[in-house]
Structure formats: C-alpha cells, structure tokens
Amino acid sequence: MFSFFYILLSLIDIKLPIINNIYKSKFIIPLIGKQNIEYQRIEKYKSSLKLYGIINTNGYLFFDKNDIKNYSFDEEIQNVMNKYKCKINEAYYNDIKDEIFLIVKVNPLNLQKVIILKNIYYEEKDL
C-alpha cells in the first residue's frame, strides 16, 4: 500500500521546502542513543544538514537542477553515510503538512527508521 502511495506521489509535481525554513527531528536508536537532524534549504538547489547526538557533523545536500528527485551529499555527509553504512531509501517533502519524510536504513544494525522532520515554526507554535 505504501509503495503504491509513494509511486502516485512521485507522479505529482515534486516540490522542495521553502528557502530558510528549518526542519528538525530527534529520534532514539535503541541501545545506542539519541540523534538529531536539522535541515535548512539555503539556496534554490542547496540545503544544509546538521547532525548532532551520536553523530556530530555539518554538511550540504545538493539537488540536481534538471531533476530535483536526484540529490547528492557533500563529502562530509557522504563520509558519515559510508562510515555508518547508512542509506536513504526514500525522501519526500509534504508541502501540505510542511514536513520532510525520510526512510533511512542502517545496514550494520539491520535497522530501518522512518524520520519526519518538522518545520520548527509550527513545532514552537504548537507548544
């Protein structure tokens, strides 16, 4: 069911988060600890990523100008992904909920984690 929904969404016009909005998520990896992710789109095709918690690093994400479904990481983030054998299986921005949805696979732990990064403006407003 999820795969069908994702395919359907991929046929719709893909959008990116609004420039300068900040999205955050924090989650726990059992027996290991807490991880935080912060995402901010800083230019039309460039976003910053900050990881802090178990893994601490800053880097960038670059979108392909011809197909924004394709993206790449800078060397810093790619090194972390390689070191911990992580892979982003799916990534999607929901412009209606203003959230970023990720499915991350950590191979050594055989762990797949759904991560939702929420716009901090709305998160603070709800408090």
N, C-alpha and C. Protein backbone atom coordinates (compact mmCIF):
# COMPACT_ATOMS: atom_id res chain seq x y z
N MET A 1 0.83 -1.19 0.00
CA MET A 1 0.00 0.00 0.00
C MET A 1 0.87 1.26 0.00
N PHE A 2 1.91 1.28 0.87
CA PHE A 2 2.78 2.44 0.95
C PHE A 2 3.48 2.68 -0.39
N SER A 3 3.95 1.61 -1.04
CA SER A 3 4.66 1.75 -2.30
C SER A 3 3.77 2.36 -3.37
N PHE A 4 2.53 1.93 -3.42
CA PHE A 4 1.59 2.49 -4.38
C PHE A 4 1.41 3.98 -4.14
N PHE A 5 1.24 4.36 -2.86
CA PHE A 5 1.07 5.76 -2.49
C PHE A 5 2.30 6.57 -2.89
N TYR A 6 3.48 6.04 -2.65
CA TYR A 6 4.72 6.75 -2.98
C TYR A 6 4.85 6.92 -4.49
N ILE A 7 4.52 5.90 -5.26
CA ILE A 7 4.59 5.99 -6.72
C ILE A 7 3.61 7.05 -7.21
N LEU A 8 2.43 7.05 -6.65
CA LEU A 8 1.43 8.05 -7.02
C LEU A 8 1.93 9.45 -6.73
N LEU A 9 2.54 9.64 -5.57
CA LEU A 9 3.08 10.95 -5.22
C LEU A 9 4.22 11.36 -6.13
N SER A 10 5.01 10.40 -6.58
CA SER A 10 6.15 10.73 -7.43
C SER A 10 5.71 11.21 -8.81
N LEU A 11 4.48 10.90 -9.18
CA LEU A 11 3.95 11.36 -10.46
C LEU A 11 3.48 12.82 -10.38
N ILE A 12 3.23 13.28 -9.19
CA ILE A 12 2.78 14.64 -8.96
C ILE A 12 4.00 15.56 -8.97
N ASP A 13 3.76 16.82 -9.26
CA ASP A 13 4.83 17.81 -9.26
C ASP A 13 5.58 17.79 -7.93
N ILE A 14 6.87 17.56 -7.98
CA ILE A 14 7.70 17.48 -6.78
C ILE A 14 8.07 18.90 -6.35
N LYS A 15 7.93 19.15 -5.05
CA LYS A 15 8.27 20.46 -4.51
C LYS A 15 9.36 20.30 -3.47
N LEU A 16 10.07 21.39 -3.23
CA LEU A 16 11.10 21.42 -2.20
C LEU A 16 10.63 22.33 -1.07
N PRO A 17 11.18 22.14 0.11
CA PRO A 17 10.82 23.03 1.22
C PRO A 17 11.16 24.48 0.90
N ILE A 18 10.47 25.38 1.56
CA ILE A 18 10.68 26.81 1.35
C ILE A 18 12.08 27.19 1.85
N ILE A 19 12.73 28.05 1.10
CA ILE A 19 14.08 28.50 1.46
C ILE A 19 14.04 29.20 2.83
N ASN A 20 15.01 28.86 3.66
CA ASN A 20 15.24 29.39 5.01
C ASN A 20 14.36 28.78 6.09
N ASN A 21 13.36 27.98 5.76
CA ASN A 21 12.63 27.27 6.81
C ASN A 21 13.55 26.20 7.38
N ILE A 22 13.45 25.99 8.68
CA ILE A 22 14.28 25.00 9.37
C ILE A 22 13.39 23.84 9.81
N TYR A 23 13.86 22.62 9.54
CA TYR A 23 13.14 21.40 9.89
C TYR A 23 14.01 20.57 10.81
N LYS A 24 13.41 20.03 11.87
CA LYS A 24 14.18 19.25 12.82
C LYS A 24 13.47 17.96 13.17
N SER A 25 14.29 16.99 13.57
CA SER A 25 13.77 15.73 14.09
C SER A 25 14.77 15.19 15.09
N LYS A 26 14.26 14.52 16.09
CA LYS A 26 15.13 13.80 17.02
C LYS A 26 14.52 12.42 17.22
N PHE A 27 15.40 11.44 17.32
CA PHE A 27 14.93 10.07 17.47
C PHE A 27 15.95 9.28 18.26
N ILE A 28 15.53 8.14 18.72
CA ILE A 28 16.40 7.27 19.53
C ILE A 28 16.69 6.00 18.74
N ILE A 29 17.95 5.62 18.75
CA ILE A 29 18.34 4.32 18.21
C ILE A 29 18.55 3.43 19.42
N PRO A 30 17.72 2.38 19.55
CA PRO A 30 17.76 1.53 20.75
C PRO A 30 19.18 1.06 21.10
N LEU A 31 19.51 1.14 22.37
CA LEU A 31 20.78 0.72 22.95
C LEU A 31 21.99 1.55 22.50
N ILE A 32 21.76 2.55 21.66
CA ILE A 32 22.88 3.36 21.16
C ILE A 32 22.76 4.80 21.63
N GLY A 33 21.61 5.42 21.42
CA GLY A 33 21.44 6.79 21.89
C GLY A 33 20.55 7.64 21.02
N LYS A 34 20.62 8.95 21.26
CA LYS A 34 19.76 9.92 20.58
C LYS A 34 20.49 10.55 19.41
N GLN A 35 19.72 10.84 18.36
CA GLN A 35 20.27 11.52 17.19
C GLN A 35 19.31 12.64 16.81
N ASN A 36 19.88 13.79 16.47
CA ASN A 36 19.11 14.94 16.00
C ASN A 36 19.54 15.27 14.59
N ILE A 37 18.58 15.71 13.79
CA ILE A 37 18.84 16.15 12.42
C ILE A 37 18.20 17.51 12.24
N GLU A 38 18.94 18.42 11.63
CA GLU A 38 18.40 19.74 11.30
C GLU A 38 18.66 19.98 9.82
N TYR A 39 17.62 20.40 9.11
CA TYR A 39 17.68 20.65 7.68
C TYR A 39 17.23 22.07 7.40
N GLN A 40 17.96 22.76 6.52
CA GLN A 40 17.53 24.09 6.08
C GLN A 40 17.91 24.26 4.61
N ARG A 41 16.93 24.56 3.80
CA ARG A 41 17.21 24.87 2.40
C ARG A 41 17.71 26.30 2.35
N ILE A 42 18.95 26.48 1.90
CA ILE A 42 19.58 27.79 1.95
C ILE A 42 19.68 28.48 0.59
N GLU A 43 19.58 27.70 -0.48
CA GLU A 43 19.59 28.23 -1.83
C GLU A 43 18.63 27.40 -2.66
N LYS A 44 18.41 27.80 -3.90
CA LYS A 44 17.43 27.10 -4.74
C LYS A 44 17.72 25.60 -4.82
N TYR A 45 18.99 25.22 -4.99
CA TYR A 45 19.35 23.81 -5.14
C TYR A 45 20.34 23.34 -4.08
N LYS A 46 20.41 24.02 -2.96
CA LYS A 46 21.37 23.66 -1.91
C LYS A 46 20.71 23.76 -0.53
N SER A 47 20.96 22.75 0.30
CA SER A 47 20.42 22.73 1.66
C SER A 47 21.54 22.38 2.63
N SER A 48 21.41 22.86 3.87
CA SER A 48 22.39 22.49 4.89
C SER A 48 21.80 21.39 5.77
N LEU A 49 22.68 20.52 6.24
CA LEU A 49 22.31 19.44 7.15
C LEU A 49 23.21 19.53 8.37
N LYS A 50 22.61 19.40 9.55
CA LYS A 50 23.37 19.36 10.79
C LYS A 50 22.93 18.11 11.54
N LEU A 51 23.90 17.31 11.90
CA LEU A 51 23.65 16.11 12.68
C LEU A 51 24.32 16.30 14.03
N TYR A 52 23.58 16.05 15.10
CA TYR A 52 24.18 16.11 16.43
C TYR A 52 23.51 15.10 17.34
N GLY A 53 24.31 14.55 18.21
CA GLY A 53 23.87 13.45 19.07
C GLY A 53 24.94 12.37 19.00
N ILE A 54 24.56 11.19 18.55
CA ILE A 54 25.51 10.09 18.35
C ILE A 54 26.54 10.49 17.30
N ILE A 55 26.05 11.07 16.21
CA ILE A 55 26.90 11.54 15.11
C ILE A 55 26.84 13.05 15.09
N ASN A 56 28.00 13.70 15.03
CA ASN A 56 28.07 15.16 15.02
C ASN A 56 28.81 15.61 13.77
N THR A 57 28.08 16.24 12.85
CA THR A 57 28.71 16.78 11.65
C THR A 57 27.77 17.76 10.98
N ASN A 58 28.33 18.61 10.15
CA ASN A 58 27.55 19.55 9.34
C ASN A 58 27.94 19.35 7.90
N GLY A 59 26.99 19.55 7.00
CA GLY A 59 27.30 19.41 5.59
C GLY A 59 26.17 19.94 4.73
N TYR A 60 26.23 19.56 3.45
CA TYR A 60 25.28 20.09 2.49
C TYR A 60 24.67 18.99 1.63
N LEU A 61 23.49 19.31 1.13
CA LEU A 61 22.74 18.46 0.21
C LEU A 61 22.53 19.29 -1.05
N PHE A 62 22.81 18.71 -2.21
CA PHE A 62 22.68 19.41 -3.48
C PHE A 62 21.64 18.72 -4.35
N PHE A 63 20.67 19.48 -4.84
CA PHE A 63 19.65 18.94 -5.73
C PHE A 63 20.09 19.12 -7.18
N ASP A 64 19.78 18.12 -8.00
CA ASP A 64 20.05 18.20 -9.43
C ASP A 64 19.13 19.26 -10.04
N LYS A 65 19.69 20.21 -10.75
CA LYS A 65 18.89 21.30 -11.34
C LYS A 65 17.91 20.80 -12.40
N ASN A 66 18.22 19.67 -13.03
CA ASN A 66 17.36 19.13 -14.08
C ASN A 66 16.31 18.17 -13.55
N ASP A 67 16.54 17.60 -12.37
CA ASP A 67 15.60 16.65 -11.78
C ASP A 67 15.78 16.67 -10.26
N ILE A 68 14.93 17.42 -9.57
CA ILE A 68 15.11 17.59 -8.13
C ILE A 68 14.88 16.33 -7.32
N LYS A 69 14.38 15.27 -7.96
CA LYS A 69 14.29 13.98 -7.26
C LYS A 69 15.67 13.39 -7.04
N ASN A 70 16.64 13.86 -7.81
CA ASN A 70 18.03 13.40 -7.66
C ASN A 70 18.79 14.40 -6.81
N TYR A 71 19.56 13.88 -5.88
CA TYR A 71 20.32 14.74 -4.99
C TYR A 71 21.62 14.04 -4.63
N SER A 72 22.55 14.83 -4.12
CA SER A 72 23.82 14.27 -3.65
C SER A 72 24.24 15.02 -2.39
N PHE A 73 25.16 14.41 -1.65
CA PHE A 73 25.66 15.00 -0.43
C PHE A 73 27.08 15.50 -0.65
N ASP A 74 27.49 16.46 0.17
CA ASP A 74 28.88 16.88 0.13
C ASP A 74 29.73 15.78 0.74
N GLU A 75 31.04 15.97 0.70
CA GLU A 75 31.97 14.94 1.17
C GLU A 75 31.78 14.61 2.66
N GLU A 76 31.51 15.61 3.47
CA GLU A 76 31.35 15.41 4.92
C GLU A 76 30.18 14.47 5.23
N ILE A 77 29.02 14.75 4.65
CA ILE A 77 27.83 13.92 4.89
C ILE A 77 28.01 12.55 4.23
N GLN A 78 28.58 12.52 3.04
CA GLN A 78 28.78 11.24 2.35
C GLN A 78 29.72 10.33 3.14
N ASN A 79 30.75 10.91 3.74
CA ASN A 79 31.67 10.13 4.56
C ASN A 79 30.96 9.50 5.75
N VAL A 80 30.06 10.25 6.39
CA VAL A 80 29.28 9.71 7.51
C VAL A 80 28.37 8.58 7.03
N MET A 81 27.71 8.81 5.90
CA MET A 81 26.82 7.77 5.34
C MET A 81 27.61 6.49 5.05
N ASN A 82 28.80 6.65 4.48
CA ASN A 82 29.64 5.49 4.17
C ASN A 82 30.16 4.82 5.44
N LYS A 83 30.63 5.61 6.39
CA LYS A 83 31.20 5.07 7.62
C LYS A 83 30.19 4.23 8.39
N TYR A 84 28.96 4.72 8.49
CA TYR A 84 27.93 4.00 9.25
C TYR A 84 27.03 3.13 8.37
N LYS A 85 27.40 3.03 7.09
CA LYS A 85 26.67 2.21 6.12
C LYS A 85 25.17 2.52 6.14
N CYS A 86 24.88 3.82 6.03
CA CYS A 86 23.50 4.30 6.01
C CYS A 86 23.07 4.58 4.58
N LYS A 87 21.79 4.48 4.36
CA LYS A 87 21.23 4.75 3.04
C LYS A 87 19.85 5.36 3.23
N ILE A 88 19.55 6.39 2.46
CA ILE A 88 18.20 6.96 2.47
C ILE A 88 17.42 6.24 1.38
N ASN A 89 16.47 5.40 1.81
CA ASN A 89 15.68 4.63 0.86
C ASN A 89 14.61 5.48 0.18
N GLU A 90 14.04 6.41 0.93
CA GLU A 90 13.02 7.29 0.36
C GLU A 90 13.11 8.65 1.04
N ALA A 91 12.82 9.69 0.27
CA ALA A 91 12.79 11.05 0.80
C ALA A 91 11.66 11.78 0.08
N TYR A 92 10.87 12.51 0.85
CA TYR A 92 9.71 13.19 0.29
C TYR A 92 9.38 14.42 1.12
N TYR A 93 9.06 15.50 0.47
CA TYR A 93 8.60 16.71 1.16
C TYR A 93 7.10 16.82 0.99
N ASN A 94 6.38 16.88 2.09
CA ASN A 94 4.93 17.05 2.08
C ASN A 94 4.65 18.53 2.25
N ASP A 95 4.29 19.20 1.16
CA ASP A 95 4.09 20.65 1.22
C ASP A 95 2.80 21.03 1.94
N ILE A 96 1.86 20.12 2.07
CA ILE A 96 0.62 20.41 2.78
C ILE A 96 0.87 20.41 4.29
N LYS A 97 1.59 19.40 4.79
CA LYS A 97 1.92 19.34 6.22
C LYS A 97 3.20 20.10 6.54
N ASP A 98 3.93 20.51 5.51
CA ASP A 98 5.21 21.18 5.66
C ASP A 98 6.17 20.34 6.50
N GLU A 99 6.34 19.08 6.07
CA GLU A 99 7.22 18.12 6.74
C GLU A 99 8.08 17.40 5.72
N ILE A 100 9.23 16.96 6.16
CA ILE A 100 10.12 16.15 5.33
C ILE A 100 10.07 14.73 5.87
N PHE A 101 9.84 13.77 5.00
CA PHE A 101 9.67 12.37 5.35
C PHE A 101 10.85 11.59 4.80
N LEU A 102 11.55 10.85 5.65
CA LEU A 102 12.70 10.04 5.23
C LEU A 102 12.55 8.61 5.72
N ILE A 103 13.03 7.68 4.93
CA ILE A 103 13.20 6.31 5.40
C ILE A 103 14.69 6.02 5.28
N VAL A 104 15.32 5.81 6.44
CA VAL A 104 16.77 5.60 6.50
C VAL A 104 17.05 4.16 6.90
N LYS A 105 17.97 3.55 6.21
CA LYS A 105 18.39 2.18 6.50
C LYS A 105 19.81 2.22 7.04
N VAL A 106 20.02 1.59 8.21
CA VAL A 106 21.35 1.46 8.80
C VAL A 106 21.70 -0.02 8.71
N ASN A 107 22.53 -0.37 7.74
CA ASN A 107 22.79 -1.77 7.43
C ASN A 107 23.40 -2.59 8.57
N PRO A 108 24.45 -2.11 9.26
CA PRO A 108 25.05 -2.97 10.30
C PRO A 108 24.07 -3.35 11.41
N LEU A 109 23.09 -2.49 11.66
CA LEU A 109 22.11 -2.77 12.71
C LEU A 109 20.84 -3.42 12.16
N ASN A 110 20.81 -3.57 10.83
CA ASN A 110 19.60 -4.07 10.16
C ASN A 110 18.39 -3.26 10.65
N LEU A 111 18.56 -1.96 10.69
CA LEU A 111 17.54 -1.06 11.21
C LEU A 111 17.05 -0.15 10.10
N GLN A 112 15.74 -0.07 9.96
CA GLN A 112 15.14 0.89 9.05
C GLN A 112 14.29 1.83 9.89
N LYS A 113 14.50 3.12 9.73
CA LYS A 113 13.85 4.11 10.58
C LYS A 113 13.11 5.13 9.73
N VAL A 114 11.86 5.39 10.09
CA VAL A 114 11.09 6.46 9.46
C VAL A 114 11.35 7.73 10.28
N ILE A 115 11.78 8.77 9.60
CA ILE A 115 12.10 10.03 10.26
C ILE A 115 11.27 11.13 9.63
N ILE A 116 10.59 11.90 10.46
CA ILE A 116 9.81 13.04 9.98
C ILE A 116 10.42 14.31 10.57
N LEU A 117 10.91 15.16 9.68
CA LEU A 117 11.46 16.44 10.11
C LEU A 117 10.34 17.47 10.02
N LYS A 118 10.11 18.15 11.12
CA LYS A 118 9.01 19.11 11.19
C LYS A 118 9.55 20.54 11.17
N ASN A 119 8.79 21.42 10.54
CA ASN A 119 9.12 22.83 10.49
C ASN A 119 9.11 23.37 11.92
N ILE A 120 10.22 23.95 12.36
CA ILE A 120 10.30 24.38 13.76
C ILE A 120 9.34 25.52 14.07
N TYR A 121 8.95 26.29 13.07
CA TYR A 121 7.99 27.36 13.30
C TYR A 121 6.68 26.78 13.84
N TYR A 122 6.19 25.72 13.20
CA TYR A 122 4.94 25.10 13.62
C TYR A 122 5.11 24.34 14.91
N GLU A 123 6.28 23.72 15.08
CA GLU A 123 6.54 22.96 16.30
C GLU A 123 6.53 23.89 17.52
N GLU A 124 7.17 25.08 17.40
CA GLU A 124 7.17 26.04 18.50
C GLU A 124 5.79 26.64 18.73
N LYS A 125 5.05 26.84 17.66
CA LYS A 125 3.72 27.43 17.73
C LYS A 125 2.75 26.51 18.49
N ASP A 126 2.95 25.18 18.34
CA ASP A 126 2.07 24.20 18.99
C ASP A 126 2.31 24.10 20.49
N LEU A 127 3.46 24.57 20.98
CA LEU A 127 3.79 24.45 22.40
C LEU A 127 2.95 25.35 23.28
